[in-house]
Amino acid sequence: MMRYFSVANNGKSLLIKNISERVLTLFAVTVKYGVTVDTIDGKGIRNIGDDLRMNKTLGQGETVEVPLKLPDPVLLVVIFRDGEMVRREDISI
C-alpha cells in the first residue's frame, strides 16, 4: 500500500508531510486520542477525536502543522484529493 504522508509529533502539534511525488489537497484531518475513563468494571480507554476542516494543497515535501488538544494522540485520519480520486489514509502515531 502506498503511503502519501508521514507524521511527526513535536509535543504541541503534528507535522504532516507529503511524501508522495504528487500534489495533494487536504480536505480534513481527524486526530484521535485514547483517554482513560472510569467504567463500572474499572478503568477503560475511550477514543475521542478532534476534526479539523482544511483546504490546503501540499506539493512534494511540503508540510502542514496541526495543533494538538491533548498530549498523546494515537491515530491521524487524513482525507485528501489525489488527482481525481478522494482518498483516506489512517496513520498510527
PDB file of N, CA and C in Angstrom:
ATOM      1  N   MET A   1       0.838  -1.179   0.000  1.00  0.00           N
ATOM      2  CA  MET A   1       0.000   0.000   0.000  1.00  0.00           C
ATOM      3  C   MET A   1       0.887   1.249   0.000  1.00  0.00           C
ATOM      4  N   MET A   2       0.606   2.153  -0.876  1.00  0.00           N
ATOM      5  CA  MET A   2       1.386   3.380  -0.982  1.00  0.00           C
ATOM      6  C   MET A   2       1.021   4.345   0.135  1.00  0.00           C
ATOM      7  N   ARG A   3       2.044   4.908   0.774  1.00  0.00           N
ATOM      8  CA  ARG A   3       1.834   5.920   1.798  1.00  0.00           C
ATOM      9  C   ARG A   3       1.983   7.293   1.149  1.00  0.00           C
ATOM     10  N   TYR A   4       1.111   8.213   1.534  1.00  0.00           N
ATOM     11  CA  TYR A   4       1.146   9.559   0.983  1.00  0.00           C
ATOM     12  C   TYR A   4       1.735  10.575   1.962  1.00  0.00           C
ATOM     13  N   PHE A   5       1.634  10.264   3.275  1.00  0.00           N
ATOM     14  CA  PHE A   5       2.035  11.224   4.298  1.00  0.00           C
ATOM     15  C   PHE A   5       2.902  10.571   5.366  1.00  0.00           C
ATOM     16  N   SER A   6       3.769  11.382   5.977  1.00  0.00           N
ATOM     17  CA  SER A   6       4.460  10.992   7.204  1.00  0.00           C
ATOM     18  C   SER A   6       4.046  12.003   8.264  1.00  0.00           C
ATOM     19  N   VAL A   7       4.117  11.586   9.536  1.00  0.00           N
ATOM     20  CA  VAL A   7       3.680  12.444  10.632  1.00  0.00           C
ATOM     21  C   VAL A   7       4.768  12.486  11.696  1.00  0.00           C
ATOM     22  N   ALA A   8       5.061  13.687  12.178  1.00  0.00           N
ATOM     23  CA  ALA A   8       5.998  13.879  13.280  1.00  0.00           C
ATOM     24  C   ALA A   8       5.270  14.611  14.395  1.00  0.00           C
ATOM     25  N   ASN A   9       5.431  14.127  15.627  1.00  0.00           N
ATOM     26  CA  ASN A   9       4.822  14.738  16.797  1.00  0.00           C
ATOM     27  C   ASN A   9       5.897  15.526  17.530  1.00  0.00           C
ATOM     28  N   ASN A  10       5.732  16.850  17.603  1.00  0.00           N
ATOM     29  CA  ASN A  10       6.724  17.665  18.319  1.00  0.00           C
ATOM     30  C   ASN A  10       6.252  18.037  19.725  1.00  0.00           C
ATOM     31  N   GLY A  11       5.162  17.409  20.195  1.00  0.00           N
ATOM     32  CA  GLY A  11       4.664  17.657  21.541  1.00  0.00           C
ATOM     33  C   GLY A  11       3.507  18.630  21.597  1.00  0.00           C
ATOM     34  N   LYS A  12       3.542  19.670  20.788  1.00  0.00           N
ATOM     35  CA  LYS A  12       2.468  20.664  20.773  1.00  0.00           C
ATOM     36  C   LYS A  12       1.620  20.581  19.512  1.00  0.00           C
ATOM     37  N   SER A  13       2.179  19.945  18.471  1.00  0.00           N
ATOM     38  CA  SER A  13       1.454  19.837  17.202  1.00  0.00           C
ATOM     39  C   SER A  13       1.969  18.627  16.428  1.00  0.00           C
ATOM     40  N   LEU A  14       1.199  18.279  15.401  1.00  0.00           N
ATOM     41  CA  LEU A  14       1.615  17.232  14.470  1.00  0.00           C
ATOM     42  C   LEU A  14       2.038  17.901  13.171  1.00  0.00           C
ATOM     43  N   LEU A  15       3.164  17.461  12.620  1.00  0.00           N
ATOM     44  CA  LEU A  15       3.621  17.953  11.331  1.00  0.00           C
ATOM     45  C   LEU A  15       3.336  16.872  10.303  1.00  0.00           C
ATOM     46  N   ILE A  16       2.438  17.174   9.365  1.00  0.00           N
ATOM     47  CA  ILE A  16       2.041  16.229   8.328  1.00  0.00           C
ATOM     48  C   ILE A  16       2.794  16.604   7.056  1.00  0.00           C
ATOM     49  N   LYS A  17       3.582  15.651   6.550  1.00  0.00           N
ATOM     50  CA  LYS A  17       4.417  15.909   5.377  1.00  0.00           C
ATOM     51  C   LYS A  17       3.971  15.049   4.202  1.00  0.00           C
ATOM     52  N   ASN A  18       3.853  15.677   3.037  1.00  0.00           N
ATOM     53  CA  ASN A  18       3.534  14.967   1.802  1.00  0.00           C
ATOM     54  C   ASN A  18       4.797  14.257   1.329  1.00  0.00           C
ATOM     55  N   ILE A  19       4.809  12.910   1.412  1.00  0.00           N
ATOM     56  CA  ILE A  19       5.982  12.137   0.985  1.00  0.00           C
ATOM     57  C   ILE A  19       5.783  11.507  -0.393  1.00  0.00           C
ATOM     58  N   SER A  20       4.667  11.818  -1.029  1.00  0.00           N
ATOM     59  CA  SER A  20       4.419  11.293  -2.375  1.00  0.00           C
ATOM     60  C   SER A  20       5.053  12.230  -3.404  1.00  0.00           C
ATOM     61  N   GLU A  21       5.030  11.825  -4.643  1.00  0.00           N
ATOM     62  CA  GLU A  21       5.558  12.663  -5.720  1.00  0.00           C
ATOM     63  C   GLU A  21       4.464  13.488  -6.384  1.00  0.00           C
ATOM     64  N   ARG A  22       3.287  13.518  -5.769  1.00  0.00           N
ATOM     65  CA  ARG A  22       2.137  14.213  -6.340  1.00  0.00           C
ATOM     66  C   ARG A  22       1.756  15.433  -5.519  1.00  0.00           C
ATOM     67  N   VAL A  23       0.996  16.324  -6.136  1.00  0.00           N
ATOM     68  CA  VAL A  23       0.393  17.442  -5.412  1.00  0.00           C
ATOM     69  C   VAL A  23      -0.932  16.935  -4.842  1.00  0.00           C
ATOM     70  N   LEU A  24      -1.113  17.078  -3.518  1.00  0.00           N
ATOM     71  CA  LEU A  24      -2.294  16.572  -2.833  1.00  0.00           C
ATOM     72  C   LEU A  24      -3.023  17.720  -2.151  1.00  0.00           C
ATOM     73  N   THR A  25      -4.361  17.629  -2.095  1.00  0.00           N
ATOM     74  CA  THR A  25      -5.171  18.622  -1.407  1.00  0.00           C
ATOM     75  C   THR A  25      -5.801  17.993  -0.182  1.00  0.00           C
ATOM     76  N   LEU A  26      -5.461  18.499   1.003  1.00  0.00           N
ATOM     77  CA  LEU A  26      -6.049  18.017   2.252  1.00  0.00           C
ATOM     78  C   LEU A  26      -7.415  18.664   2.442  1.00  0.00           C
ATOM     79  N   PHE A  27      -8.433  17.833   2.681  1.00  0.00           N
ATOM     80  CA  PHE A  27      -9.771  18.334   2.964  1.00  0.00           C
ATOM     81  C   PHE A  27     -10.048  18.379   4.461  1.00  0.00           C
ATOM     82  N   ALA A  28      -9.686  17.295   5.166  1.00  0.00           N
ATOM     83  CA  ALA A  28      -9.980  17.193   6.591  1.00  0.00           C
ATOM     84  C   ALA A  28      -8.955  16.306   7.267  1.00  0.00           C
ATOM     85  N   VAL A  29      -8.731  16.591   8.545  1.00  0.00           N
ATOM     86  CA  VAL A  29      -7.840  15.803   9.380  1.00  0.00           C
ATOM     87  C   VAL A  29      -8.565  15.524  10.692  1.00  0.00           C
ATOM     88  N   THR A  30      -8.510  14.277  11.152  1.00  0.00           N
ATOM     89  CA  THR A  30      -9.045  13.920  12.460  1.00  0.00           C
ATOM     90  C   THR A  30      -7.906  13.363  13.296  1.00  0.00           C
ATOM     91  N   VAL A  31      -7.696  13.979  14.462  1.00  0.00           N
ATOM     92  CA  VAL A  31      -6.692  13.494  15.411  1.00  0.00           C
ATOM     93  C   VAL A  31      -7.456  12.733  16.493  1.00  0.00           C
ATOM     94  N   LYS A  32      -7.096  11.461  16.700  1.00  0.00           N
ATOM     95  CA  LYS A  32      -7.772  10.637  17.710  1.00  0.00           C
ATOM     96  C   LYS A  32      -6.846  10.440  18.898  1.00  0.00           C
ATOM     97  N   TYR A  33      -7.451  10.521  20.081  1.00  0.00           N
ATOM     98  CA  TYR A  33      -6.736  10.379  21.341  1.00  0.00           C
ATOM     99  C   TYR A  33      -7.349   9.222  22.118  1.00  0.00           C
ATOM    100  N   GLY A  34      -6.528   8.474  22.846  1.00  0.00           N
ATOM    101  CA  GLY A  34      -7.013   7.445  23.752  1.00  0.00           C
ATOM    102  C   GLY A  34      -6.966   8.003  25.165  1.00  0.00           C
ATOM    103  N   VAL A  35      -8.131   8.150  25.790  1.00  0.00           N
ATOM    104  CA  VAL A  35      -8.189   8.699  27.143  1.00  0.00           C
ATOM    105  C   VAL A  35      -8.693   7.626  28.104  1.00  0.00           C
ATOM    106  N   THR A  36      -8.182   7.652  29.311  1.00  0.00           N
ATOM    107  CA  THR A  36      -8.597   6.694  30.333  1.00  0.00           C
ATOM    108  C   THR A  36      -9.858   7.212  31.002  1.00  0.00           C
ATOM    109  N   VAL A  37     -10.857   6.339  31.116  1.00  0.00           N
ATOM    110  CA  VAL A  37     -12.127   6.695  31.751  1.00  0.00           C
ATOM    111  C   VAL A  37     -12.476   5.652  32.812  1.00  0.00           C
ATOM    112  N   ASP A  38     -13.262   6.076  33.791  1.00  0.00           N
ATOM    113  CA  ASP A  38     -13.769   5.142  34.799  1.00  0.00           C
ATOM    114  C   ASP A  38     -15.051   4.508  34.282  1.00  0.00           C
ATOM    115  N   THR A  39     -15.128   3.186  34.398  1.00  0.00           N
ATOM    116  CA  THR A  39     -16.326   2.461  33.992  1.00  0.00           C
ATOM    117  C   THR A  39     -16.826   1.641  35.177  1.00  0.00           C
ATOM    118  N   ILE A  40     -17.940   0.977  35.018  1.00  0.00           N
ATOM    119  CA  ILE A  40     -18.486   0.127  36.075  1.00  0.00           C
ATOM    120  C   ILE A  40     -17.512  -0.999  36.394  1.00  0.00           C
ATOM    121  N   ASP A  41     -16.815  -1.509  35.375  1.00  0.00           N
ATOM    122  CA  ASP A  41     -15.875  -2.616  35.544  1.00  0.00           C
ATOM    123  C   ASP A  41     -14.463  -2.161  35.920  1.00  0.00           C
ATOM    124  N   GLY A  42     -14.257  -0.908  36.102  1.00  0.00           N
ATOM    125  CA  GLY A  42     -12.919  -0.382  36.403  1.00  0.00           C
ATOM    126  C   GLY A  42     -12.539   0.691  35.407  1.00  0.00           C
ATOM    127  N   LYS A  43     -11.285   0.735  35.080  1.00  0.00           N
ATOM    128  CA  LYS A  43     -10.816   1.738  34.120  1.00  0.00           C
ATOM    129  C   LYS A  43     -10.828   1.169  32.704  1.00  0.00           C
ATOM    130  N   GLY A  44     -11.069   2.052  31.748  1.00  0.00           N
ATOM    131  CA  GLY A  44     -11.066   1.660  30.347  1.00  0.00           C
ATOM    132  C   GLY A  44     -10.513   2.783  29.500  1.00  0.00           C
ATOM    133  N   ILE A  45     -10.306   2.493  28.245  1.00  0.00           N
ATOM    134  CA  ILE A  45      -9.805   3.512  27.318  1.00  0.00           C
ATOM    135  C   ILE A  45     -10.907   3.840  26.325  1.00  0.00           C
ATOM    136  N   ARG A  46     -11.108   5.125  26.135  1.00  0.00           N
ATOM    137  CA  ARG A  46     -12.104   5.594  25.180  1.00  0.00           C
ATOM    138  C   ARG A  46     -11.395   6.481  24.160  1.00  0.00           C
ATOM    139  N   ASN A  47     -11.736   6.292  22.897  1.00  0.00           N
ATOM    140  CA  ASN A  47     -11.156   7.114  21.848  1.00  0.00           C
ATOM    141  C   ASN A  47     -12.037   8.325  21.592  1.00  0.00           C
ATOM    142  N   ILE A  48     -11.413   9.495  21.563  1.00  0.00           N
ATOM    143  CA  ILE A  48     -12.121  10.719  21.204  1.00  0.00           C
ATOM    144  C   ILE A  48     -11.367  11.350  20.043  1.00  0.00           C
ATOM    145  N   GLY A  49     -12.059  12.124  19.239  1.00  0.00           N
ATOM    146  CA  GLY A  49     -11.432  12.708  18.059  1.00  0.00           C
ATOM    147  C   GLY A  49     -11.646  14.198  17.962  1.00  0.00           C
ATOM    148  N   ASP A  50     -10.719  14.856  17.328  1.00  0.00           N
ATOM    149  CA  ASP A  50     -10.773  16.284  17.052  1.00  0.00           C
ATOM    150  C   ASP A  50     -10.737  16.448  15.534  1.00  0.00           C
ATOM    151  N   ASP A  51     -11.853  16.907  14.951  1.00  0.00           N
ATOM    152  CA  ASP A  51     -11.967  17.074  13.499  1.00  0.00           C
ATOM    153  C   ASP A  51     -11.568  18.484  13.094  1.00  0.00           C
ATOM    154  N   LEU A  52     -10.711  18.572  12.095  1.00  0.00           N
ATOM    155  CA  LEU A  52     -10.283  19.865  11.568  1.00  0.00           C
ATOM    156  C   LEU A  52     -10.543  19.896  10.068  1.00  0.00           C
ATOM    157  N   ARG A  53     -11.277  20.886   9.622  1.00  0.00           N
ATOM    158  CA  ARG A  53     -11.517  21.075   8.194  1.00  0.00           C
ATOM    159  C   ARG A  53     -10.415  21.968   7.642  1.00  0.00           C
ATOM    160  N   MET A  54      -9.881  21.584   6.516  1.00  0.00           N
ATOM    161  CA  MET A  54      -8.863  22.405   5.871  1.00  0.00           C
ATOM    162  C   MET A  54      -8.966  22.223   4.367  1.00  0.00           C
ATOM    163  N   ASN A  55      -8.520  23.200   3.664  1.00  0.00           N
ATOM    164  CA  ASN A  55      -8.457  23.112   2.212  1.00  0.00           C
ATOM    165  C   ASN A  55      -7.057  23.566   1.817  1.00  0.00           C
ATOM    166  N   LYS A  56      -6.094  22.676   2.079  1.00  0.00           N
ATOM    167  CA  LYS A  56      -4.679  23.019   1.931  1.00  0.00           C
ATOM    168  C   LYS A  56      -4.048  22.131   0.874  1.00  0.00           C
ATOM    169  N   THR A  57      -3.379  22.737  -0.095  1.00  0.00           N
ATOM    170  CA  THR A  57      -2.678  21.995  -1.140  1.00  0.00           C
ATOM    171  C   THR A  57      -1.214  21.853  -0.738  1.00  0.00           C
ATOM    172  N   LEU A  58      -0.725  20.608  -0.793  1.00  0.00           N
ATOM    173  CA  LEU A  58       0.662  20.324  -0.438  1.00  0.00           C
ATOM    174  C   LEU A  58       1.392  19.723  -1.632  1.00  0.00           C
ATOM    175  N   GLY A  59       2.492  20.348  -2.016  1.00  0.00           N
ATOM    176  CA  GLY A  59       3.358  19.780  -3.040  1.00  0.00           C
ATOM    177  C   GLY A  59       4.290  18.751  -2.415  1.00  0.00           C
ATOM    178  N   GLN A  60       5.083  18.101  -3.216  1.00  0.00           N
ATOM    179  CA  GLN A  60       6.028  17.103  -2.732  1.00  0.00           C
ATOM    180  C   GLN A  60       6.957  17.711  -1.684  1.00  0.00           C
ATOM    181  N   GLY A  61       7.031  17.065  -0.495  1.00  0.00           N
ATOM    182  CA  GLY A  61       7.910  17.512   0.574  1.00  0.00           C
ATOM    183  C   GLY A  61       7.368  18.627   1.447  1.00  0.00           C
ATOM    184  N   GLU A  62       6.208  19.185   1.108  1.00  0.00           N
ATOM    185  CA  GLU A  62       5.640  20.272   1.910  1.00  0.00           C
ATOM    186  C   GLU A  62       4.930  19.716   3.142  1.00  0.00           C
ATOM    187  N   THR A  63       4.853  20.545   4.192  1.00  0.00           N
ATOM    188  CA  THR A  63       4.225  20.126   5.443  1.00  0.00           C
ATOM    189  C   THR A  63       3.131  21.101   5.858  1.00  0.00           C
ATOM    190  N   VAL A  64       2.248  20.596   6.722  1.00  0.00           N
ATOM    191  CA  VAL A  64       1.235  21.423   7.362  1.00  0.00           C
ATOM    192  C   VAL A  64       1.247  21.054   8.845  1.00  0.00           C
ATOM    193  N   GLU A  65       1.001  22.039   9.700  1.00  0.00           N
ATOM    194  CA  GLU A  65       1.038  21.834  11.143  1.00  0.00           C
ATOM    195  C   GLU A  65      -0.387  21.787  11.686  1.00  0.00           C
ATOM    196  N   VAL A  66      -0.654  20.776  12.526  1.00  0.00           N
ATOM    197  CA  VAL A  66      -1.967  20.601  13.142  1.00  0.00           C
ATOM    198  C   VAL A  66      -1.774  20.659  14.657  1.00  0.00           C
ATOM    199  N   PRO A  67      -2.414  21.629  15.349  1.00  0.00           N
ATOM    200  CA  PRO A  67      -2.234  21.733  16.801  1.00  0.00           C
ATOM    201  C   PRO A  67      -2.887  20.561  17.535  1.00  0.00           C
ATOM    202  N   LEU A  68      -2.276  20.166  18.662  1.00  0.00           N
ATOM    203  CA  LEU A  68      -2.806  19.082  19.488  1.00  0.00           C
ATOM    204  C   LEU A  68      -3.634  19.658  20.628  1.00  0.00           C
ATOM    205  N   LYS A  69      -4.756  18.991  20.936  1.00  0.00           N
ATOM    206  CA  LYS A  69      -5.597  19.382  22.078  1.00  0.00           C
ATOM    207  C   LYS A  69      -5.168  18.647  23.342  1.00  0.00           C
ATOM    208  N   LEU A  70      -4.670  17.412  23.182  1.00  0.00           N
ATOM    209  CA  LEU A  70      -4.201  16.585  24.292  1.00  0.00           C
ATOM    210  C   LEU A  70      -2.789  16.101  23.957  1.00  0.00           C
ATOM    211  N   PRO A  71      -2.006  15.689  24.956  1.00  0.00           N
ATOM    212  CA  PRO A  71      -0.597  15.386  24.685  1.00  0.00           C
ATOM    213  C   PRO A  71      -0.306  14.082  23.945  1.00  0.00           C
ATOM    214  N   ASP A  72      -1.192  13.090  23.975  1.00  0.00           N
ATOM    215  CA  ASP A  72      -0.846  11.781  23.414  1.00  0.00           C
ATOM    216  C   ASP A  72      -1.821  11.308  22.338  1.00  0.00           C
ATOM    217  N   PRO A  73      -1.659  11.770  21.098  1.00  0.00           N
ATOM    218  CA  PRO A  73      -2.519  11.263  20.025  1.00  0.00           C
ATOM    219  C   PRO A  73      -2.144   9.828  19.674  1.00  0.00           C
ATOM    220  N   VAL A  74      -3.134   9.049  19.212  1.00  0.00           N
ATOM    221  CA  VAL A  74      -2.867   7.657  18.849  1.00  0.00           C
ATOM    222  C   VAL A  74      -3.076   7.382  17.359  1.00  0.00           C
ATOM    223  N   LEU A  75      -3.888   8.207  16.690  1.00  0.00           N
ATOM    224  CA  LEU A  75      -4.215   7.966  15.286  1.00  0.00           C
ATOM    225  C   LEU A  75      -4.501   9.290  14.587  1.00  0.00           C
ATOM    226  N   LEU A  76      -4.087   9.360  13.339  1.00  0.00           N
ATOM    227  CA  LEU A  76      -4.392  10.513  12.494  1.00  0.00           C
ATOM    228  C   LEU A  76      -5.107  10.001  11.257  1.00  0.00           C
ATOM    229  N   VAL A  77      -6.256  10.584  10.944  1.00  0.00           N
ATOM    230  CA  VAL A  77      -7.022  10.233   9.748  1.00  0.00           C
ATOM    231  C   VAL A  77      -6.976  11.440   8.814  1.00  0.00           C
ATOM    232  N   VAL A  78      -6.474  11.229   7.591  1.00  0.00           N
ATOM    233  CA  VAL A  78      -6.329  12.308   6.619  1.00  0.00           C
ATOM    234  C   VAL A  78      -7.237  12.013   5.424  1.00  0.00           C
ATOM    235  N   ILE A  79      -8.110  12.962   5.084  1.00  0.00           N
ATOM    236  CA  ILE A  79      -8.954  12.877   3.880  1.00  0.00           C
ATOM    237  C   ILE A  79      -8.377  13.871   2.878  1.00  0.00           C
ATOM    238  N   PHE A  80      -8.076  13.385   1.669  1.00  0.00           N
ATOM    239  CA  PHE A  80      -7.387  14.232   0.706  1.00  0.00           C
ATOM    240  C   PHE A  80      -7.745  13.840  -0.723  1.00  0.00           C
ATOM    241  N   ARG A  81      -7.408  14.745  -1.645  1.00  0.00           N
ATOM    242  CA  ARG A  81      -7.610  14.502  -3.069  1.00  0.00           C
ATOM    243  C   ARG A  81      -6.260  14.219  -3.716  1.00  0.00           C
ATOM    244  N   ASP A  82      -6.238  13.145  -4.501  1.00  0.00           N
ATOM    245  CA  ASP A  82      -5.076  12.762  -5.291  1.00  0.00           C
ATOM    246  C   ASP A  82      -5.546  12.716  -6.737  1.00  0.00           C
ATOM    247  N   GLY A  83      -5.302  13.789  -7.475  1.00  0.00           N
ATOM    248  CA  GLY A  83      -5.828  13.885  -8.845  1.00  0.00           C
ATOM    249  C   GLY A  83      -7.343  13.981  -8.809  1.00  0.00           C
ATOM    250  N   GLU A  84      -8.023  13.012  -9.416  1.00  0.00           N
ATOM    251  CA  GLU A  84      -9.485  12.983  -9.422  1.00  0.00           C
ATOM    252  C   GLU A  84     -10.064  12.122  -8.305  1.00  0.00           C
ATOM    253  N   MET A  85      -9.198  11.421  -7.572  1.00  0.00           N
ATOM    254  CA  MET A  85      -9.646  10.492  -6.521  1.00  0.00           C
ATOM    255  C   MET A  85      -9.611  11.167  -5.147  1.00  0.00           C
ATOM    256  N   VAL A  86     -10.639  10.916  -4.335  1.00  0.00           N
ATOM    257  CA  VAL A  86     -10.629  11.324  -2.932  1.00  0.00           C
ATOM    258  C   VAL A  86     -10.242  10.089  -2.127  1.00  0.00           C
ATOM    259  N   ARG A  87      -9.234  10.233  -1.294  1.00  0.00           N
ATOM    260  CA  ARG A  87      -8.679   9.105  -0.549  1.00  0.00           C
ATOM    261  C   ARG A  87      -8.665   9.391   0.947  1.00  0.00           C
ATOM    262  N   ARG A  88      -8.452   8.316   1.717  1.00  0.00           N
ATOM    263  CA  ARG A  88      -8.323   8.392   3.159  1.00  0.00           C
ATOM    264  C   ARG A  88      -7.076   7.603   3.547  1.00  0.00           C
ATOM    265  N   GLU A  89      -6.288   8.187   4.438  1.00  0.00           N
ATOM    266  CA  GLU A  89      -5.119   7.491   4.969  1.00  0.00           C
ATOM    267  C   GLU A  89      -5.166   7.556   6.494  1.00  0.00           C
ATOM    268  N   ASP A  90      -5.093   6.401   7.143  1.00  0.00           N
ATOM    269  CA  ASP A  90      -5.040   6.292   8.600  1.00  0.00           C
ATOM    270  C   ASP A  90      -3.590   6.068   8.999  1.00  0.00           C
ATOM    271  N   ILE A  91      -3.088   6.886   9.912  1.00  0.00           N
ATOM    272  CA  ILE A  91      -1.683   6.812  10.319  1.00  0.00           C
ATOM    273  C   ILE A  91      -1.618   6.641  11.826  1.00  0.00           C
ATOM    274  N   SER A  92      -1.062   5.526  12.283  1.00  0.00           N
ATOM    275  CA  SER A  92      -0.863   5.316  13.716  1.00  0.00           C
ATOM    276  C   SER A  92       0.306   6.166  14.183  1.00  0.00           C
ATOM    277  N   ILE A  93       0.138   6.758  15.344  1.00  0.00           N
ATOM    278  CA  ILE A  93       1.175   7.646  15.876  1.00  0.00           C
ATOM    279  C   ILE A  93       1.844   6.984  17.071  1.00  0.00           C
TER     280      ILE A  93
END
